[in-house]
Protein backbone atom coordinates (compact mmCIF):
# COMPACT_ATOMS: atom_id res chain seq x y z
CA MET A 1 20.97 22.59 -29.59
CA THR A 2 17.38 22.69 -29.57
CA LYS A 3 14.87 24.21 -26.47
CA GLN A 4 14.29 20.63 -25.93
CA THR A 5 17.19 19.17 -26.21
CA ALA A 6 19.28 20.89 -23.17
CA SER A 7 15.70 20.39 -21.03
CA LEU A 8 16.77 16.56 -21.25
CA ARG A 9 19.94 16.74 -21.08
CA THR A 10 19.66 19.45 -17.54
CA GLU A 11 17.07 16.35 -16.04
CA LEU A 12 18.84 13.62 -17.05
CA GLY A 13 22.07 15.40 -15.08
CA HIS A 14 19.56 16.26 -11.94
CA PHE A 15 18.41 12.66 -12.57
CA TRP A 16 22.46 11.44 -12.22
CA ARG A 17 23.10 13.00 -9.37
CA ILE A 18 20.97 11.64 -7.00
CA GLY A 19 20.83 8.37 -8.98
CA TRP A 20 24.70 7.53 -8.83
CA PRO A 21 24.44 7.19 -4.70
CA LEU A 22 21.57 4.20 -5.57
CA LEU A 23 23.81 2.80 -8.08
CA VAL A 24 26.99 2.46 -5.93
CA ALA A 25 24.70 1.19 -3.01
CA GLN A 26 22.48 -1.42 -5.29
CA THR A 27 26.22 -2.73 -6.57
CA ALA A 28 27.53 -2.16 -3.31
CA GLN A 29 25.53 -4.75 -1.73
CA MET A 30 25.15 -7.33 -4.37
CA GLY A 31 29.07 -7.54 -4.39
CA THR A 32 28.88 -8.47 -0.84
CA GLY A 33 26.71 -11.31 -1.40
CA VAL A 34 28.77 -12.26 -3.90
CA VAL A 35 32.14 -11.85 -1.78
CA ASP A 36 30.17 -13.83 0.97
CA THR A 37 29.71 -16.80 -1.79
CA ILE A 38 32.56 -16.87 -2.62
CA MET A 39 34.37 -16.70 0.65
CA ALA A 40 32.21 -19.86 2.03
CA ALA A 41 32.80 -21.87 -1.40
CA ARG A 42 36.40 -22.02 0.29
CA PHE A 43 35.26 -23.81 3.41
CA GLY A 44 32.89 -25.99 2.37
CA ASP A 45 29.23 -27.30 1.78
CA LYS A 46 27.91 -26.46 4.76
CA ASP A 47 29.42 -23.37 5.09
CA LEU A 48 28.12 -22.82 1.71
CA ALA A 49 24.43 -23.90 2.49
CA ALA A 50 24.80 -21.79 5.64
CA ILE A 51 25.20 -18.68 3.72
CA ALA A 52 22.49 -20.07 1.63
CA ILE A 53 19.90 -20.38 3.98
CA GLY A 54 20.57 -17.47 5.65
CA PHE A 55 20.01 -15.09 2.64
CA ASN A 56 16.96 -16.22 2.25
CA ILE A 57 15.57 -15.68 5.51
CA TRP A 58 17.12 -12.28 5.04
CA LEU A 59 15.66 -11.03 2.36
CA PRO A 60 11.85 -11.44 3.05
CA LEU A 61 12.68 -9.52 6.46
CA TYR A 62 14.83 -6.91 4.07
CA LEU A 63 11.69 -6.60 1.95
CA ILE A 64 9.41 -5.90 4.34
CA VAL A 65 11.66 -3.31 5.76
CA LEU A 66 12.40 -1.73 2.11
CA GLY A 67 8.23 -1.47 1.70
CA VAL A 68 7.78 -0.10 5.12
CA MET A 69 10.35 2.90 4.52
CA PHE A 70 8.49 3.48 0.92
CA ALA A 71 5.58 3.56 1.71
CA SER A 72 6.34 5.78 4.59
CA SER A 73 8.23 8.43 2.93
CA ALA A 74 4.83 8.91 0.79
CA ILE A 75 3.32 9.10 3.58
CA ILE A 76 5.27 11.66 5.30
CA ALA A 77 5.78 13.59 1.72
CA GLN A 78 2.00 14.25 1.68
CA ASP A 79 2.04 14.82 5.33
CA PHE A 80 4.72 18.09 4.88
CA GLY A 81 3.37 19.06 1.34
CA ALA A 82 0.17 19.25 2.95
CA GLY A 83 1.41 21.83 5.42
């Protein structure tokens, strides 16, 4: 094994250790949407429509908060790095 391949394996290992919780969290979040849809579909059309409307209201708010969190994490990291 070359030095470059070993370095790549080490880097991928670090990425995996950092990334697997994110993968689990995103999968769980998508799973809750699927479960909500399945459960609401059993009750009827109006319940399923209510879930769809709720999701369409919730998603933009979630994305705004997520954007603010990403931006503030970069600003905070710069402040810590500057000393």
